[in-house]
């Protein structure tokens, strides 16, 4: 990895700074994150059946994931504001494991990556 051992968000005097990406080329960038949420069997069944008091849990989770990606520069210090071209949140119910599997994919055409989003 280029610059290994050197923090990119710290200058020569040890001060926190935002990385200058102004000279980088604009390229297609994609980041994918995987995770899971373990729930009880009754909760998983109720989510699958759409039998929850607050409505469609999975739809709400998708919207929340998209909103979080769009607001990343507000939530994570020193994160660049980039124009996202796509945010996709996939949620899969995994019955034997009693989990909700989550895959979030973000895309952008910009000068810096989308791995934070």
C-alpha atoms as a PDB file:
ATOM      1  CA  UNK A   1       0.000   0.000   0.000  1.00  0.00           C
ATOM      2  CA  UNK A   2       1.378   3.405  -0.971  1.00  0.00           C
ATOM      3  CA  UNK A   3       2.286   5.587   1.991  1.00  0.00           C
ATOM      4  CA  UNK A   4       2.063   2.653   4.383  1.00  0.00           C
ATOM      5  CA  UNK A   5       2.809   3.732   7.945  1.00  0.00           C
ATOM      6  CA  UNK A   6       1.786   7.349   7.288  1.00  0.00           C
ATOM      7  CA  UNK A   7      -1.639   8.628   8.251  1.00  0.00           C
ATOM      8  CA  UNK A   8      -3.204  10.466   5.315  1.00  0.00           C
ATOM      9  CA  UNK A   9      -5.323  12.746   7.509  1.00  0.00           C
ATOM     10  CA  UNK A  10      -2.404  14.069   9.577  1.00  0.00           C
ATOM     11  CA  UNK A  11       0.066  16.666   8.264  1.00  0.00           C
ATOM     12  CA  UNK A  12       3.821  16.933   8.945  1.00  0.00           C
ATOM     13  CA  UNK A  13       3.162  18.847  12.187  1.00  0.00           C
ATOM     14  CA  UNK A  14       0.746  16.183  13.452  1.00  0.00           C
ATOM     15  CA  UNK A  15      -2.370  18.283  12.811  1.00  0.00           C
ATOM     16  CA  UNK A  16      -5.574  16.755  11.512  1.00  0.00           C
ATOM     17  CA  UNK A  17      -6.267  17.792   7.930  1.00  0.00           C
ATOM     18  CA  UNK A  18      -8.575  16.803   5.086  1.00  0.00           C
ATOM     19  CA  UNK A  19      -6.791  14.992   2.253  1.00  0.00           C
ATOM     20  CA  UNK A  20      -6.425  17.069  -0.923  1.00  0.00           C
ATOM     21  CA  UNK A  21      -7.906  15.062  -3.802  1.00  0.00           C
ATOM     22  CA  UNK A  22      -7.934  17.982  -6.261  1.00  0.00           C
ATOM     23  CA  UNK A  23      -5.253  16.518  -8.522  1.00  0.00           C
ATOM     24  CA  UNK A  24      -6.733  13.020  -8.712  1.00  0.00           C
ATOM     25  CA  UNK A  25      -8.498  11.815 -11.844  1.00  0.00           C
ATOM     26  CA  UNK A  26     -12.240  11.255 -11.777  1.00  0.00           C
ATOM     27  CA  UNK A  27     -12.991   7.529 -11.994  1.00  0.00           C
ATOM     28  CA  UNK A  28     -15.849   5.093 -11.426  1.00  0.00           C
ATOM     29  CA  UNK A  29     -15.721   3.945  -7.802  1.00  0.00           C
ATOM     30  CA  UNK A  30     -17.617   1.146  -6.073  1.00  0.00           C
ATOM     31  CA  UNK A  31     -17.631  -0.040  -2.464  1.00  0.00           C
ATOM     32  CA  UNK A  32     -19.481  -3.040  -1.022  1.00  0.00           C
ATOM     33  CA  UNK A  33     -20.036  -3.701   2.684  1.00  0.00           C
ATOM     34  CA  UNK A  34     -21.451  -6.896   4.191  1.00  0.00           C
ATOM     35  CA  UNK A  35     -22.955  -7.366   7.625  1.00  0.00           C
ATOM     36  CA  UNK A  36     -25.647  -9.212   9.506  1.00  0.00           C
ATOM     37  CA  UNK A  37     -28.122  -8.639  12.298  1.00  0.00           C
ATOM     38  CA  UNK A  38     -29.051 -11.536  14.558  1.00  0.00           C
ATOM     39  CA  UNK A  39     -32.693 -11.580  15.692  1.00  0.00           C
ATOM     40  CA  UNK A  40     -34.953 -13.966  17.555  1.00  0.00           C
ATOM     41  CA  UNK A  41     -37.018 -16.509  15.586  1.00  0.00           C
ATOM     42  CA  UNK A  42     -40.327 -14.776  16.386  1.00  0.00           C
ATOM     43  CA  UNK A  43     -38.934 -11.417  15.267  1.00  0.00           C
ATOM     44  CA  UNK A  44     -37.646 -12.893  12.011  1.00  0.00           C
ATOM     45  CA  UNK A  45     -41.017 -14.534  11.331  1.00  0.00           C
ATOM     46  CA  UNK A  46     -42.893 -11.300  12.041  1.00  0.00           C
ATOM     47  CA  UNK A  47     -40.605  -9.352   9.719  1.00  0.00           C
ATOM     48  CA  UNK A  48     -41.105 -11.951   6.980  1.00  0.00           C
ATOM     49  CA  UNK A  49     -44.887 -11.885   7.468  1.00  0.00           C
ATOM     50  CA  UNK A  50     -45.051  -8.082   7.566  1.00  0.00           C
ATOM     51  CA  UNK A  51     -46.575  -8.382  11.032  1.00  0.00           C
ATOM     52  CA  UNK A  52     -44.781  -5.584  12.894  1.00  0.00           C
ATOM     53  CA  UNK A  53     -46.460  -2.686  14.713  1.00  0.00           C
ATOM     54  CA  UNK A  54     -44.377   0.002  12.958  1.00  0.00           C
ATOM     55  CA  UNK A  55     -44.811  -1.236   9.380  1.00  0.00           C
ATOM     56  CA  UNK A  56     -42.377  -2.738   6.872  1.00  0.00           C
ATOM     57  CA  UNK A  57     -39.108  -3.129   8.788  1.00  0.00           C
ATOM     58  CA  UNK A  58     -37.051  -4.038   5.708  1.00  0.00           C
ATOM     59  CA  UNK A  59     -38.281  -1.041   3.680  1.00  0.00           C
ATOM     60  CA  UNK A  60     -37.444   1.232   6.599  1.00  0.00           C
ATOM     61  CA  UNK A  61     -33.966  -0.315   6.868  1.00  0.00           C
ATOM     62  CA  UNK A  62     -33.337   0.223   3.143  1.00  0.00           C
ATOM     63  CA  UNK A  63     -34.344   3.886   3.356  1.00  0.00           C
ATOM     64  CA  UNK A  64     -32.215   4.363   6.494  1.00  0.00           C
ATOM     65  CA  UNK A  65     -29.198   2.818   4.745  1.00  0.00           C
ATOM     66  CA  UNK A  66     -29.599   5.094   1.732  1.00  0.00           C
ATOM     67  CA  UNK A  67     -30.011   8.154   3.959  1.00  0.00           C
ATOM     68  CA  UNK A  68     -26.910   7.220   5.962  1.00  0.00           C
ATOM     69  CA  UNK A  69     -24.823   6.890   2.789  1.00  0.00           C
ATOM     70  CA  UNK A  70     -26.019  10.291   1.568  1.00  0.00           C
ATOM     71  CA  UNK A  71     -25.186  11.938   4.903  1.00  0.00           C
ATOM     72  CA  UNK A  72     -21.782  10.331   5.460  1.00  0.00           C
ATOM     73  CA  UNK A  73     -19.795  13.603   5.138  1.00  0.00           C
ATOM     74  CA  UNK A  74     -21.956  15.078   7.919  1.00  0.00           C
ATOM     75  CA  UNK A  75     -21.452  12.061  10.183  1.00  0.00           C
ATOM     76  CA  UNK A  76     -17.774  11.162   9.670  1.00  0.00           C
ATOM     77  CA  UNK A  77     -15.192  13.914  10.165  1.00  0.00           C
ATOM     78  CA  UNK A  78     -12.817  14.535   7.242  1.00  0.00           C
ATOM     79  CA  UNK A  79     -14.922  12.489   4.801  1.00  0.00           C
ATOM     80  CA  UNK A  80     -15.196  14.162   1.391  1.00  0.00           C
ATOM     81  CA  UNK A  81     -18.587  15.127   0.055  1.00  0.00           C
ATOM     82  CA  UNK A  82     -19.049  13.156  -3.160  1.00  0.00           C
ATOM     83  CA  UNK A  83     -21.896  12.797  -5.620  1.00  0.00           C
ATOM     84  CA  UNK A  84     -23.208   9.267  -5.212  1.00  0.00           C
ATOM     85  CA  UNK A  85     -24.556   7.755  -8.410  1.00  0.00           C
ATOM     86  CA  UNK A  86     -26.096   4.719  -6.710  1.00  0.00           C
ATOM     87  CA  UNK A  87     -26.804   3.284  -3.272  1.00  0.00           C
ATOM     88  CA  UNK A  88     -28.275  -0.208  -3.057  1.00  0.00           C
ATOM     89  CA  UNK A  89     -29.218  -1.920   0.198  1.00  0.00           C
ATOM     90  CA  UNK A  90     -29.963  -5.650  -0.051  1.00  0.00           C
ATOM     91  CA  UNK A  91     -31.573  -7.420   2.906  1.00  0.00           C
ATOM     92  CA  UNK A  92     -31.986 -11.185   3.002  1.00  0.00           C
ATOM     93  CA  UNK A  93     -33.668 -13.201   5.727  1.00  0.00           C
ATOM     94  CA  UNK A  94     -31.430 -16.118   6.741  1.00  0.00           C
ATOM     95  CA  UNK A  95     -33.667 -18.589   8.549  1.00  0.00           C
ATOM     96  CA  UNK A  96     -31.367 -21.249   9.965  1.00  0.00           C
ATOM     97  CA  UNK A  97     -28.993 -18.582  11.311  1.00  0.00           C
ATOM     98  CA  UNK A  98     -31.824 -16.302  12.541  1.00  0.00           C
ATOM     99  CA  UNK A  99     -30.190 -13.326  10.855  1.00  0.00           C
ATOM    100  CA  UNK A 100     -30.846 -10.571   8.414  1.00  0.00           C
ATOM    101  CA  UNK A 101     -27.951 -10.489   5.943  1.00  0.00           C
ATOM    102  CA  UNK A 102     -27.110  -6.979   4.745  1.00  0.00           C
ATOM    103  CA  UNK A 103     -25.183  -5.948   1.630  1.00  0.00           C
ATOM    104  CA  UNK A 104     -24.715  -2.236   0.933  1.00  0.00           C
ATOM    105  CA  UNK A 105     -23.279  -1.105  -2.404  1.00  0.00           C
ATOM    106  CA  UNK A 106     -22.355   2.505  -3.170  1.00  0.00           C
ATOM    107  CA  UNK A 107     -21.169   3.881  -6.500  1.00  0.00           C
ATOM    108  CA  UNK A 108     -19.818   7.251  -7.570  1.00  0.00           C
ATOM    109  CA  UNK A 109     -17.824   8.870 -10.341  1.00  0.00           C
ATOM    110  CA  UNK A 110     -15.482  11.120  -8.401  1.00  0.00           C
ATOM    111  CA  UNK A 111     -11.904  11.861  -7.308  1.00  0.00           C
ATOM    112  CA  UNK A 112     -12.079   9.859  -4.093  1.00  0.00           C
ATOM    113  CA  UNK A 113     -13.583   6.542  -3.069  1.00  0.00           C
ATOM    114  CA  UNK A 114     -16.961   5.615  -1.630  1.00  0.00           C
ATOM    115  CA  UNK A 115     -15.700   3.211   1.028  1.00  0.00           C
ATOM    116  CA  UNK A 116     -16.848   5.507   3.852  1.00  0.00           C
ATOM    117  CA  UNK A 117     -20.401   5.678   2.522  1.00  0.00           C
END
